[in-house]
Protein backbone atom coordinates (compact mmCIF):
# COMPACT_ATOMS: atom_id res chain seq x y z
CA UNK A 1 -20.13 -5.44 5.32
CA UNK A 2 -21.65 -7.92 2.89
CA UNK A 3 -20.54 -9.56 -0.34
CA UNK A 4 -23.09 -9.12 -3.15
CA UNK A 5 -24.42 -11.99 -5.25
CA UNK A 6 -21.84 -10.97 -7.88
CA UNK A 7 -18.98 -11.28 -5.37
CA UNK A 8 -18.55 -7.53 -4.99
CA UNK A 9 -17.68 -5.68 -1.81
CA UNK A 10 -16.98 -2.01 -1.10
CA UNK A 11 -13.48 -1.38 0.22
CA UNK A 12 -13.76 1.09 3.11
CA UNK A 13 -12.33 4.57 2.42
CA UNK A 14 -9.82 4.30 5.28
CA UNK A 15 -8.41 1.09 3.78
CA UNK A 16 -8.27 2.62 0.26
CA UNK A 17 -6.47 5.65 1.68
CA UNK A 18 -3.97 3.54 3.62
CA UNK A 19 -3.16 1.43 0.53
CA UNK A 20 -3.32 4.37 -1.88
CA UNK A 21 -6.00 2.68 -4.00
CA UNK A 22 -7.36 5.24 -6.45
CA UNK A 23 -10.19 4.66 -8.93
CA UNK A 24 -9.08 2.34 -11.76
CA UNK A 25 -6.17 0.94 -9.71
CA UNK A 26 -5.56 -2.68 -10.62
CA UNK A 27 -5.27 -4.95 -7.60
CA UNK A 28 -4.15 -8.49 -6.87
CA UNK A 29 -5.84 -10.79 -4.37
CA UNK A 30 -4.01 -13.56 -2.54
CA UNK A 31 -4.57 -15.79 0.46
CA UNK A 32 -2.01 -15.58 3.23
CA UNK A 33 -2.37 -17.62 6.42
CA UNK A 34 -6.06 -18.15 5.71
CA UNK A 35 -6.84 -14.45 5.13
CA UNK A 36 -7.63 -12.61 1.90
CA UNK A 37 -5.02 -9.97 1.05
CA UNK A 38 -5.42 -7.16 -1.50
CA UNK A 39 -2.46 -5.29 -3.00
CA UNK A 40 -1.99 -2.81 -5.84
CA UNK A 41 -0.91 -4.78 -8.91
CA UNK A 42 1.79 -2.42 -10.15
CA UNK A 43 4.01 -2.66 -7.10
CA UNK A 44 5.07 -0.06 -4.59
CA UNK A 45 4.60 3.51 -5.83
CA UNK A 46 3.95 6.66 -3.88
CA UNK A 47 0.49 8.20 -3.85
CA UNK A 48 1.86 11.12 -5.90
CA UNK A 49 3.20 8.73 -8.55
CA UNK A 50 -0.16 7.00 -8.79
CA UNK A 51 -2.00 10.32 -9.11
CA UNK A 52 0.40 11.53 -11.81
CA UNK A 53 0.02 8.28 -13.75
CA UNK A 54 -3.76 8.51 -13.47
CA UNK A 55 -3.75 12.09 -14.77
CA UNK A 56 -1.43 11.19 -17.64
CA UNK A 57 -3.70 8.34 -18.65
CA UNK A 58 -7.03 10.13 -18.24
CA UNK A 59 -6.23 13.85 -18.40
CA UNK A 60 -7.16 16.10 -21.29
CA UNK A 61 -4.48 17.67 -23.44
CA UNK A 62 -3.66 21.26 -22.66
CA UNK A 63 -4.54 23.40 -25.65
CA UNK A 64 -3.13 26.61 -24.20
CA UNK A 65 0.35 28.01 -24.45
CA UNK A 66 2.17 28.68 -21.21
CA UNK A 67 1.77 32.43 -21.86
CA UNK A 68 -2.00 32.03 -22.24
CA UNK A 69 -2.19 29.91 -19.10
CA UNK A 70 -0.27 32.49 -17.08
CA UNK A 71 -2.54 35.25 -18.42
CA UNK A 72 -5.55 33.23 -17.32
CA UNK A 73 -4.10 32.70 -13.86
CA UNK A 74 -3.22 36.40 -13.58
CA UNK A 75 -6.66 37.42 -14.84
CA UNK A 76 -5.23 39.31 -17.85
CA UNK A 77 -8.07 39.25 -20.43
CA UNK A 78 -6.09 41.24 -23.06
CA UNK A 79 -3.57 38.41 -23.46
CA UNK A 80 -6.36 35.87 -23.87
CA UNK A 81 -8.23 38.04 -26.40
CA UNK A 82 -5.08 38.27 -28.55
CA UNK A 83 -5.50 34.57 -29.20
């Protein structure tokens, strides 16, 4: 692995998975005992909490009622056409 001229490096997928680093996760770098350490900035959260926060921040608003959504999931076109 190499550091680019801009100081960038790709974090291996296995490391991202282990730390739960999703796209747009803010991280903090520190030096501990002569080694670089990377941690998520926001503190310890579960992977599910990080995914939910990401979806809340970047997800699109649902413009369907719960009845319309259920009709869609059940493949009931009459309910959707009534809209």
